[in-house]
Amino acid sequence: MADTLIELNLSGRAEKTDQAQLAYVRKQFLRSCLLEWYFWDAASRQLTWDDFDKLAFKNDGSGLL
């Protein structure tokens, strides 16, 4: 589904890029979307950095990042 939502149109540059690089760019784009979502969600809930640390970087692999 992410492939259908993300279209890379960089004046033909994406057409010349290999699949590994495109996958990397998609991953980074989606990660930046997650971080932006977390920023606005945290702002609306008035979370602190300690909350971010607990929620985003859980050591058991269930964290946001």
PDB file of N, CA and C in Angstrom:
ATOM      1  N   MET A   1       0.819  -1.192   0.000  1.00  0.00           N
ATOM      2  CA  MET A   1       0.000   0.000   0.000  1.00  0.00           C
ATOM      3  C   MET A   1       0.866   1.261   0.000  1.00  0.00           C
ATOM      4  N   ALA A   2       1.960   1.215   0.737  1.00  0.00           N
ATOM      5  CA  ALA A   2       2.828   2.386   0.797  1.00  0.00           C
ATOM      6  C   ALA A   2       3.354   2.744  -0.587  1.00  0.00           C
ATOM      7  N   ASP A   3       3.603   1.728  -1.419  1.00  0.00           N
ATOM      8  CA  ASP A   3       4.101   1.997  -2.764  1.00  0.00           C
ATOM      9  C   ASP A   3       3.097   2.796  -3.580  1.00  0.00           C
ATOM     10  N   THR A   4       1.812   2.562  -3.362  1.00  0.00           N
ATOM     11  CA  THR A   4       0.807   3.292  -4.123  1.00  0.00           C
ATOM     12  C   THR A   4       0.621   4.706  -3.599  1.00  0.00           C
ATOM     13  N   LEU A   5       0.947   4.926  -2.341  1.00  0.00           N
ATOM     14  CA  LEU A   5       0.783   6.249  -1.756  1.00  0.00           C
ATOM     15  C   LEU A   5       1.963   7.170  -2.021  1.00  0.00           C
ATOM     16  N   ILE A   6       3.119   6.576  -2.219  1.00  0.00           N
ATOM     17  CA  ILE A   6       4.330   7.379  -2.391  1.00  0.00           C
ATOM     18  C   ILE A   6       4.774   7.322  -3.844  1.00  0.00           C
ATOM     19  N   GLU A   7       4.763   8.445  -4.488  1.00  0.00           N
ATOM     20  CA  GLU A   7       5.255   8.520  -5.855  1.00  0.00           C
ATOM     21  C   GLU A   7       6.448   9.452  -5.881  1.00  0.00           C
ATOM     22  N   LEU A   8       7.536   8.955  -6.403  1.00  0.00           N
ATOM     23  CA  LEU A   8       8.740   9.771  -6.484  1.00  0.00           C
ATOM     24  C   LEU A   8       8.836  10.364  -7.881  1.00  0.00           C
ATOM     25  N   ASN A   9       8.719  11.659  -7.956  1.00  0.00           N
ATOM     26  CA  ASN A   9       8.841  12.337  -9.234  1.00  0.00           C
ATOM     27  C   ASN A   9       9.862  13.456  -9.071  1.00  0.00           C
ATOM     28  N   LEU A  10      11.091  13.133  -9.331  1.00  0.00           N
ATOM     29  CA  LEU A  10      12.179  14.088  -9.150  1.00  0.00           C
ATOM     30  C   LEU A  10      12.828  14.390 -10.490  1.00  0.00           C
ATOM     31  N   SER A  11      12.031  14.846 -11.420  1.00  0.00           N
ATOM     32  CA  SER A  11      12.517  15.178 -12.764  1.00  0.00           C
ATOM     33  C   SER A  11      13.215  13.994 -13.418  1.00  0.00           C
ATOM     34  N   GLY A  12      12.666  12.801 -13.255  1.00  0.00           N
ATOM     35  CA  GLY A  12      13.217  11.615 -13.878  1.00  0.00           C
ATOM     36  C   GLY A  12      14.318  10.933 -13.101  1.00  0.00           C
ATOM     37  N   ARG A  13      14.756  11.494 -12.008  1.00  0.00           N
ATOM     38  CA  ARG A  13      15.849  10.896 -11.238  1.00  0.00           C
ATOM     39  C   ARG A  13      15.442   9.574 -10.610  1.00  0.00           C
ATOM     40  N   ALA A  14      14.190   9.477 -10.169  1.00  0.00           N
ATOM     41  CA  ALA A  14      13.730   8.239  -9.533  1.00  0.00           C
ATOM     42  C   ALA A  14      13.748   7.080 -10.510  1.00  0.00           C
ATOM     43  N   GLU A  15      13.496   7.360 -11.778  1.00  0.00           N
ATOM     44  CA  GLU A  15      13.500   6.300 -12.780  1.00  0.00           C
ATOM     45  C   GLU A  15      14.883   5.701 -12.968  1.00  0.00           C
ATOM     46  N   LYS A  16      15.911   6.467 -12.684  1.00  0.00           N
ATOM     47  CA  LYS A  16      17.290   6.018 -12.874  1.00  0.00           C
ATOM     48  C   LYS A  16      17.899   5.443 -11.593  1.00  0.00           C
ATOM     49  N   THR A  17      17.116   5.423 -10.513  1.00  0.00           N
ATOM     50  CA  THR A  17      17.619   4.961  -9.224  1.00  0.00           C
ATOM     51  C   THR A  17      17.281   3.496  -9.026  1.00  0.00           C
ATOM     52  N   ASP A  18      18.192   2.756  -8.405  1.00  0.00           N
ATOM     53  CA  ASP A  18      17.926   1.333  -8.202  1.00  0.00           C
ATOM     54  C   ASP A  18      16.888   1.116  -7.089  1.00  0.00           C
ATOM     55  N   GLN A  19      16.357  -0.093  -7.042  1.00  0.00           N
ATOM     56  CA  GLN A  19      15.278  -0.420  -6.102  1.00  0.00           C
ATOM     57  C   GLN A  19      15.722  -0.324  -4.645  1.00  0.00           C
ATOM     58  N   ALA A  20      16.969  -0.626  -4.370  1.00  0.00           N
ATOM     59  CA  ALA A  20      17.470  -0.531  -2.992  1.00  0.00           C
ATOM     60  C   ALA A  20      17.438   0.914  -2.501  1.00  0.00           C
ATOM     61  N   GLN A  21      17.856   1.838  -3.345  1.00  0.00           N
ATOM     62  CA  GLN A  21      17.841   3.250  -2.966  1.00  0.00           C
ATOM     63  C   GLN A  21      16.411   3.752  -2.806  1.00  0.00           C
ATOM     64  N   LEU A  22      15.512   3.357  -3.699  1.00  0.00           N
ATOM     65  CA  LEU A  22      14.113   3.762  -3.581  1.00  0.00           C
ATOM     66  C   LEU A  22      13.480   3.212  -2.305  1.00  0.00           C
ATOM     67  N   ALA A  23      13.815   1.979  -1.948  1.00  0.00           N
ATOM     68  CA  ALA A  23      13.298   1.390  -0.712  1.00  0.00           C
ATOM     69  C   ALA A  23      13.811   2.159   0.496  1.00  0.00           C
ATOM     70  N   TYR A  24      15.078   2.561   0.450  1.00  0.00           N
ATOM     71  CA  TYR A  24      15.653   3.348   1.541  1.00  0.00           C
ATOM     72  C   TYR A  24      14.940   4.695   1.677  1.00  0.00           C
ATOM     73  N   VAL A  25      14.702   5.350   0.557  1.00  0.00           N
ATOM     74  CA  VAL A  25      14.030   6.652   0.569  1.00  0.00           C
ATOM     75  C   VAL A  25      12.610   6.502   1.115  1.00  0.00           C
ATOM     76  N   ARG A  26      11.904   5.466   0.674  1.00  0.00           N
ATOM     77  CA  ARG A  26      10.549   5.221   1.194  1.00  0.00           C
ATOM     78  C   ARG A  26      10.566   5.023   2.704  1.00  0.00           C
ATOM     79  N   LYS A  27      11.518   4.218   3.178  1.00  0.00           N
ATOM     80  CA  LYS A  27      11.623   3.947   4.614  1.00  0.00           C
ATOM     81  C   LYS A  27      11.872   5.238   5.394  1.00  0.00           C
ATOM     82  N   GLN A  28      12.785   6.060   4.908  1.00  0.00           N
ATOM     83  CA  GLN A  28      13.091   7.315   5.597  1.00  0.00           C
ATOM     84  C   GLN A  28      11.904   8.285   5.547  1.00  0.00           C
ATOM     85  N   PHE A  29      11.207   8.306   4.423  1.00  0.00           N
ATOM     86  CA  PHE A  29      10.030   9.170   4.312  1.00  0.00           C
ATOM     87  C   PHE A  29       8.962   8.743   5.315  1.00  0.00           C
ATOM     88  N   LEU A  30       8.686   7.453   5.385  1.00  0.00           N
ATOM     89  CA  LEU A  30       7.676   6.971   6.324  1.00  0.00           C
ATOM     90  C   LEU A  30       8.099   7.214   7.767  1.00  0.00           C
ATOM     91  N   ARG A  31       9.394   7.073   8.044  1.00  0.00           N
ATOM     92  CA  ARG A  31       9.882   7.353   9.397  1.00  0.00           C
ATOM     93  C   ARG A  31       9.700   8.835   9.732  1.00  0.00           C
ATOM     94  N   SER A  32       9.962   9.710   8.778  1.00  0.00           N
ATOM     95  CA  SER A  32       9.777  11.146   9.032  1.00  0.00           C
ATOM     96  C   SER A  32       8.296  11.457   9.259  1.00  0.00           C
ATOM     97  N   CYS A  33       7.421  10.765   8.558  1.00  0.00           N
ATOM     98  CA  CYS A  33       5.974  10.945   8.789  1.00  0.00           C
ATOM     99  C   CYS A  33       5.609  10.516  10.200  1.00  0.00           C
ATOM    100  N   LEU A  34       6.171   9.399  10.642  1.00  0.00           N
ATOM    101  CA  LEU A  34       5.909   8.923  12.000  1.00  0.00           C
ATOM    102  C   LEU A  34       6.387   9.945  13.034  1.00  0.00           C
ATOM    103  N   LEU A  35       7.575  10.478  12.816  1.00  0.00           N
ATOM    104  CA  LEU A  35       8.097  11.465  13.764  1.00  0.00           C
ATOM    105  C   LEU A  35       7.252  12.737  13.784  1.00  0.00           C
ATOM    106  N   GLU A  36       6.806  13.168  12.615  1.00  0.00           N
ATOM    107  CA  GLU A  36       5.952  14.352  12.584  1.00  0.00           C
ATOM    108  C   GLU A  36       4.620  14.069  13.269  1.00  0.00           C
ATOM    109  N   TRP A  37       4.052  12.891  13.014  1.00  0.00           N
ATOM    110  CA  TRP A  37       2.800  12.533  13.694  1.00  0.00           C
ATOM    111  C   TRP A  37       3.014  12.525  15.199  1.00  0.00           C
ATOM    112  N   TYR A  38       4.123  11.912  15.646  1.00  0.00           N
ATOM    113  CA  TYR A  38       4.382  11.856  17.083  1.00  0.00           C
ATOM    114  C   TYR A  38       4.545  13.256  17.659  1.00  0.00           C
ATOM    115  N   PHE A  39       5.202  14.142  16.928  1.00  0.00           N
ATOM    116  CA  PHE A  39       5.382  15.508  17.404  1.00  0.00           C
ATOM    117  C   PHE A  39       4.030  16.173  17.674  1.00  0.00           C
ATOM    118  N   TRP A  40       3.126  16.128  16.685  1.00  0.00           N
ATOM    119  CA  TRP A  40       1.838  16.796  16.857  1.00  0.00           C
ATOM    120  C   TRP A  40       0.962  16.082  17.878  1.00  0.00           C
ATOM    121  N   ASP A  41       1.036  14.761  17.926  1.00  0.00           N
ATOM    122  CA  ASP A  41       0.286  14.016  18.929  1.00  0.00           C
ATOM    123  C   ASP A  41       0.791  14.355  20.325  1.00  0.00           C
ATOM    124  N   ALA A  42       2.112  14.394  20.478  1.00  0.00           N
ATOM    125  CA  ALA A  42       2.703  14.728  21.775  1.00  0.00           C
ATOM    126  C   ALA A  42       2.368  16.159  22.177  1.00  0.00           C
ATOM    127  N   ALA A  43       2.374  17.068  21.213  1.00  0.00           N
ATOM    128  CA  ALA A  43       2.036  18.462  21.522  1.00  0.00           C
ATOM    129  C   ALA A  43       0.587  18.586  21.984  1.00  0.00           C
ATOM    130  N   SER A  44      -0.301  17.869  21.310  1.00  0.00           N
ATOM    131  CA  SER A  44      -1.717  17.974  21.689  1.00  0.00           C
ATOM    132  C   SER A  44      -1.979  17.340  23.051  1.00  0.00           C
ATOM    133  N   ARG A  45      -1.187  16.331  23.406  1.00  0.00           N
ATOM    134  CA  ARG A  45      -1.349  15.687  24.718  1.00  0.00           C
ATOM    135  C   ARG A  45      -0.402  16.274  25.757  1.00  0.00           C
ATOM    136  N   GLN A  46       0.420  17.233  25.336  1.00  0.00           N
ATOM    137  CA  GLN A  46       1.380  17.908  26.209  1.00  0.00           C
ATOM    138  C   GLN A  46       2.304  16.913  26.907  1.00  0.00           C
ATOM    139  N   LEU A  47       2.879  16.000  26.124  1.00  0.00           N
ATOM    140  CA  LEU A  47       3.810  15.030  26.668  1.00  0.00           C
ATOM    141  C   LEU A  47       5.180  15.670  26.859  1.00  0.00           C
ATOM    142  N   THR A  48       5.960  15.096  27.743  1.00  0.00           N
ATOM    143  CA  THR A  48       7.309  15.591  28.020  1.00  0.00           C
ATOM    144  C   THR A  48       8.331  14.712  27.313  1.00  0.00           C
ATOM    145  N   TRP A  49       9.600  15.106  27.371  1.00  0.00           N
ATOM    146  CA  TRP A  49      10.657  14.284  26.784  1.00  0.00           C
ATOM    147  C   TRP A  49      10.748  12.939  27.483  1.00  0.00           C
ATOM    148  N   ASP A  50      10.483  12.912  28.784  1.00  0.00           N
ATOM    149  CA  ASP A  50      10.492  11.630  29.504  1.00  0.00           C
ATOM    150  C   ASP A  50       9.417  10.701  28.952  1.00  0.00           C
ATOM    151  N   ASP A  51       8.244  11.246  28.644  1.00  0.00           N
ATOM    152  CA  ASP A  51       7.186  10.443  28.032  1.00  0.00           C
ATOM    153  C   ASP A  51       7.642   9.912  26.682  1.00  0.00           C
ATOM    154  N   PHE A  52       8.277  10.768  25.880  1.00  0.00           N
ATOM    155  CA  PHE A  52       8.774  10.356  24.567  1.00  0.00           C
ATOM    156  C   PHE A  52       9.752   9.210  24.718  1.00  0.00           C
ATOM    157  N   ASP A  53      10.667   9.334  25.664  1.00  0.00           N
ATOM    158  CA  ASP A  53      11.663   8.298  25.909  1.00  0.00           C
ATOM    159  C   ASP A  53      10.993   6.968  26.245  1.00  0.00           C
ATOM    160  N   LYS A  54       9.980   7.001  27.076  1.00  0.00           N
ATOM    161  CA  LYS A  54       9.289   5.778  27.484  1.00  0.00           C
ATOM    162  C   LYS A  54       8.482   5.172  26.347  1.00  0.00           C
ATOM    163  N   LEU A  55       7.829   5.999  25.546  1.00  0.00           N
ATOM    164  CA  LEU A  55       6.925   5.504  24.513  1.00  0.00           C
ATOM    165  C   LEU A  55       7.627   5.145  23.210  1.00  0.00           C
ATOM    166  N   ALA A  56       8.613   5.909  22.820  1.00  0.00           N
ATOM    167  CA  ALA A  56       9.213   5.738  21.502  1.00  0.00           C
ATOM    168  C   ALA A  56      10.378   4.757  21.487  1.00  0.00           C
ATOM    169  N   PHE A  57      11.131   4.682  22.558  1.00  0.00           N
ATOM    170  CA  PHE A  57      12.355   3.875  22.549  1.00  0.00           C
ATOM    171  C   PHE A  57      12.286   2.726  23.551  1.00  0.00           C
ATOM    172  N   LYS A  58      11.210   1.960  23.509  1.00  0.00           N
ATOM    173  CA  LYS A  58      11.113   0.801  24.395  1.00  0.00           C
ATOM    174  C   LYS A  58      12.151  -0.231  23.964  1.00  0.00           C
ATOM    175  N   ASN A  59      12.804  -0.824  24.917  1.00  0.00           N
ATOM    176  CA  ASN A  59      13.863  -1.789  24.617  1.00  0.00           C
ATOM    177  C   ASN A  59      13.334  -3.148  24.202  1.00  0.00           C
ATOM    178  N   ASP A  60      12.038  -3.389  24.341  1.00  0.00           N
ATOM    179  CA  ASP A  60      11.494  -4.697  23.986  1.00  0.00           C
ATOM    180  C   ASP A  60      11.044  -4.781  22.525  1.00  0.00           C
ATOM    181  N   GLY A  61      11.317  -3.756  21.741  1.00  0.00           N
ATOM    182  CA  GLY A  61      10.988  -3.775  20.329  1.00  0.00           C
ATOM    183  C   GLY A  61       9.587  -3.287  19.999  1.00  0.00           C
ATOM    184  N   SER A  62       8.824  -2.913  21.002  1.00  0.00           N
ATOM    185  CA  SER A  62       7.456  -2.470  20.738  1.00  0.00           C
ATOM    186  C   SER A  62       7.333  -0.960  20.676  1.00  0.00           C
ATOM    187  N   GLY A  63       8.447  -0.253  20.708  1.00  0.00           N
ATOM    188  CA  GLY A  63       8.412   1.209  20.676  1.00  0.00           C
ATOM    189  C   GLY A  63       8.052   1.744  19.303  1.00  0.00           C
ATOM    190  N   LEU A  64       7.845   3.035  19.245  1.00  0.00           N
ATOM    191  CA  LEU A  64       7.457   3.676  17.987  1.00  0.00           C
ATOM    192  C   LEU A  64       8.582   3.682  16.971  1.00  0.00           C
ATOM    193  N   LEU A  65       9.823   3.760  17.433  1.00  0.00           N
ATOM    194  CA  LEU A  65      10.961   3.856  16.492  1.00  0.00           C
ATOM    195  C   LEU A  65      11.801   2.607  16.535  1.00  0.00           C
TER     196      LEU A  65
END
